[in-house]
Amino acid sequence: MPPSRPSNVKLLTEGAQYIKRKRRQDNGGGGREKQIDKILFNDDDRAEFLTGFSKRKQAKLAEKRERAKKRDEDELKAQKKEVGPVTAAAATAVARPAPQR
């Protein structure tokens, strides 16, 4: 008779059981001793947090706009640098094509 193999469930849950044991050892045995008894809130900070969603969202949008504006300016500078200096005659020729007869 071949040697018995551990069940599939046991093999699959072995890692989870190891993690549970490790957590218990790290917490000193039980989880209840390290739990917080009471949480105190600062009412002013809490009110600011709860009412400040719109403010924070607007600030994020403004920052994104600024970054996009800077990125566009940088791209424009790069394009201008790539093209090179434009003379007055070339600028007028591009702006106003010569009349056709």
C-alpha atoms as a PDB file:
ATOM      1  CA  MET A   1       0.000   0.000   0.000  1.00  0.00           C
ATOM      2  CA  PRO A   2       1.462   3.433  -0.977  1.00  0.00           C
ATOM      3  CA  PRO A   3       2.212   5.956   1.767  1.00  0.00           C
ATOM      4  CA  SER A   4      -0.712   8.225   2.532  1.00  0.00           C
ATOM      5  CA  ARG A   5      -0.596  11.739   1.181  1.00  0.00           C
ATOM      6  CA  PRO A   6      -1.961  14.793   2.988  1.00  0.00           C
ATOM      7  CA  SER A   7      -5.289  16.031   1.720  1.00  0.00           C
ATOM      8  CA  ASN A   8      -5.486  18.842  -0.789  1.00  0.00           C
ATOM      9  CA  VAL A   9      -7.312  21.087   1.679  1.00  0.00           C
ATOM     10  CA  LYS A  10      -4.563  20.649   4.225  1.00  0.00           C
ATOM     11  CA  LEU A  11      -1.906  21.526   1.667  1.00  0.00           C
ATOM     12  CA  LEU A  12      -3.776  24.591   0.478  1.00  0.00           C
ATOM     13  CA  THR A  13      -4.510  25.955   3.968  1.00  0.00           C
ATOM     14  CA  GLU A  14      -1.068  25.292   5.388  1.00  0.00           C
ATOM     15  CA  GLY A  15       0.199  28.774   4.404  1.00  0.00           C
ATOM     16  CA  ALA A  16      -2.778  30.538   5.986  1.00  0.00           C
ATOM     17  CA  GLN A  17      -2.319  28.593   9.216  1.00  0.00           C
ATOM     18  CA  TYR A  18       1.378  29.512   9.277  1.00  0.00           C
ATOM     19  CA  ILE A  19       0.486  33.198   8.894  1.00  0.00           C
ATOM     20  CA  LYS A  20      -2.066  32.960  11.718  1.00  0.00           C
ATOM     21  CA  ARG A  21       0.507  31.392  14.036  1.00  0.00           C
ATOM     22  CA  LYS A  22       3.070  34.041  13.131  1.00  0.00           C
ATOM     23  CA  ARG A  23       0.591  36.864  13.836  1.00  0.00           C
ATOM     24  CA  ARG A  24      -0.257  35.402  17.220  1.00  0.00           C
ATOM     25  CA  GLN A  25       3.427  35.221  18.112  1.00  0.00           C
ATOM     26  CA  ASP A  26       4.065  38.806  16.957  1.00  0.00           C
ATOM     27  CA  ASN A  27       1.114  40.160  18.963  1.00  0.00           C
ATOM     28  CA  GLY A  28       2.223  38.432  22.108  1.00  0.00           C
ATOM     29  CA  GLY A  29      -0.357  35.692  21.972  1.00  0.00           C
ATOM     30  CA  GLY A  30      -3.683  37.471  21.857  1.00  0.00           C
ATOM     31  CA  GLY A  31      -5.068  40.299  19.847  1.00  0.00           C
ATOM     32  CA  ARG A  32      -7.267  41.822  22.563  1.00  0.00           C
ATOM     33  CA  GLU A  33      -4.418  43.258  24.644  1.00  0.00           C
ATOM     34  CA  LYS A  34      -3.172  45.498  21.870  1.00  0.00           C
ATOM     35  CA  GLN A  35      -6.559  46.882  20.798  1.00  0.00           C
ATOM     36  CA  ILE A  36      -7.314  50.546  21.341  1.00  0.00           C
ATOM     37  CA  ASP A  37      -9.946  51.205  24.005  1.00  0.00           C
ATOM     38  CA  LYS A  38     -11.206  54.583  22.874  1.00  0.00           C
ATOM     39  CA  ILE A  39     -10.690  56.911  19.921  1.00  0.00           C
ATOM     40  CA  LEU A  40     -10.951  60.628  20.533  1.00  0.00           C
ATOM     41  CA  PHE A  41     -11.643  63.075  17.708  1.00  0.00           C
ATOM     42  CA  ASN A  42     -10.768  66.724  17.570  1.00  0.00           C
ATOM     43  CA  ASP A  43     -14.113  68.246  16.553  1.00  0.00           C
ATOM     44  CA  ASP A  44     -12.589  71.106  14.545  1.00  0.00           C
ATOM     45  CA  ASP A  45     -10.290  68.813  12.557  1.00  0.00           C
ATOM     46  CA  ARG A  46     -13.108  66.338  12.022  1.00  0.00           C
ATOM     47  CA  ALA A  47     -15.429  69.055  10.694  1.00  0.00           C
ATOM     48  CA  GLU A  48     -12.683  70.361   8.396  1.00  0.00           C
ATOM     49  CA  PHE A  49     -12.067  66.858   7.050  1.00  0.00           C
ATOM     50  CA  LEU A  50     -15.746  66.153   6.454  1.00  0.00           C
ATOM     51  CA  THR A  51     -16.479  69.500   4.789  1.00  0.00           C
ATOM     52  CA  GLY A  52     -13.182  69.833   2.923  1.00  0.00           C
ATOM     53  CA  PHE A  53     -13.755  67.265   0.175  1.00  0.00           C
ATOM     54  CA  SER A  54     -14.763  69.905  -2.367  1.00  0.00           C
ATOM     55  CA  LYS A  55     -11.844  72.160  -1.423  1.00  0.00           C
ATOM     56  CA  ARG A  56      -9.334  69.345  -1.795  1.00  0.00           C
ATOM     57  CA  LYS A  57     -10.859  68.277  -5.120  1.00  0.00           C
ATOM     58  CA  GLN A  58     -10.665  71.844  -6.469  1.00  0.00           C
ATOM     59  CA  ALA A  59      -7.043  72.113  -5.303  1.00  0.00           C
ATOM     60  CA  LYS A  60      -6.154  68.884  -7.135  1.00  0.00           C
ATOM     61  CA  LEU A  61      -7.816  70.138 -10.326  1.00  0.00           C
ATOM     62  CA  ALA A  62      -5.985  73.473 -10.112  1.00  0.00           C
ATOM     63  CA  GLU A  63      -2.675  71.651  -9.664  1.00  0.00           C
ATOM     64  CA  LYS A  64      -3.411  69.436 -12.679  1.00  0.00           C
ATOM     65  CA  ARG A  65      -4.235  72.513 -14.772  1.00  0.00           C
ATOM     66  CA  GLU A  66      -0.968  74.165 -13.747  1.00  0.00           C
ATOM     67  CA  ARG A  67       1.035  71.064 -14.668  1.00  0.00           C
ATOM     68  CA  ALA A  68      -0.732  70.822 -18.050  1.00  0.00           C
ATOM     69  CA  LYS A  69      -0.084  74.507 -18.718  1.00  0.00           C
ATOM     70  CA  LYS A  70       3.612  74.120 -17.863  1.00  0.00           C
ATOM     71  CA  ARG A  71       3.864  71.005 -20.029  1.00  0.00           C
ATOM     72  CA  ASP A  72       2.294  72.875 -22.970  1.00  0.00           C
ATOM     73  CA  GLU A  73       4.684  75.790 -22.497  1.00  0.00           C
ATOM     74  CA  ASP A  74       7.649  73.417 -22.447  1.00  0.00           C
ATOM     75  CA  GLU A  75       6.444  71.705 -25.635  1.00  0.00           C
ATOM     76  CA  LEU A  76       6.043  75.084 -27.335  1.00  0.00           C
ATOM     77  CA  LYS A  77       9.561  76.104 -26.289  1.00  0.00           C
ATOM     78  CA  ALA A  78      10.929  72.823 -27.644  1.00  0.00           C
ATOM     79  CA  GLN A  79       9.119  73.333 -30.954  1.00  0.00           C
ATOM     80  CA  LYS A  80      10.413  76.889 -31.260  1.00  0.00           C
ATOM     81  CA  LYS A  81      13.928  75.724 -30.493  1.00  0.00           C
ATOM     82  CA  GLU A  82      13.591  72.985 -33.104  1.00  0.00           C
ATOM     83  CA  VAL A  83      12.428  75.391 -35.825  1.00  0.00           C
ATOM     84  CA  GLY A  84      15.065  77.990 -35.065  1.00  0.00           C
ATOM     85  CA  PRO A  85      14.944  81.765 -35.223  1.00  0.00           C
ATOM     86  CA  VAL A  86      12.370  83.238 -37.590  1.00  0.00           C
ATOM     87  CA  THR A  87      13.237  86.339 -39.592  1.00  0.00           C
ATOM     88  CA  ALA A  88      10.748  89.167 -40.092  1.00  0.00           C
ATOM     89  CA  ALA A  89      10.506  88.510 -43.826  1.00  0.00           C
ATOM     90  CA  ALA A  90       9.816  84.819 -43.305  1.00  0.00           C
ATOM     91  CA  ALA A  91       7.200  85.595 -40.670  1.00  0.00           C
ATOM     92  CA  THR A  92       5.280  87.931 -42.985  1.00  0.00           C
ATOM     93  CA  ALA A  93       5.539  85.478 -45.864  1.00  0.00           C
ATOM     94  CA  VAL A  94       3.950  82.791 -43.726  1.00  0.00           C
ATOM     95  CA  ALA A  95       1.335  85.126 -42.309  1.00  0.00           C
ATOM     96  CA  ARG A  96       0.352  86.709 -45.652  1.00  0.00           C
ATOM     97  CA  PRO A  97       0.920  84.674 -48.793  1.00  0.00           C
ATOM     98  CA  ALA A  98       1.850  86.566 -51.937  1.00  0.00           C
ATOM     99  CA  PRO A  99      -1.164  87.553 -54.053  1.00  0.00           C
ATOM    100  CA  GLN A 100      -1.713  85.445 -57.149  1.00  0.00           C
ATOM    101  CA  ARG A 101      -2.221  87.126 -60.531  1.00  0.00           C
END
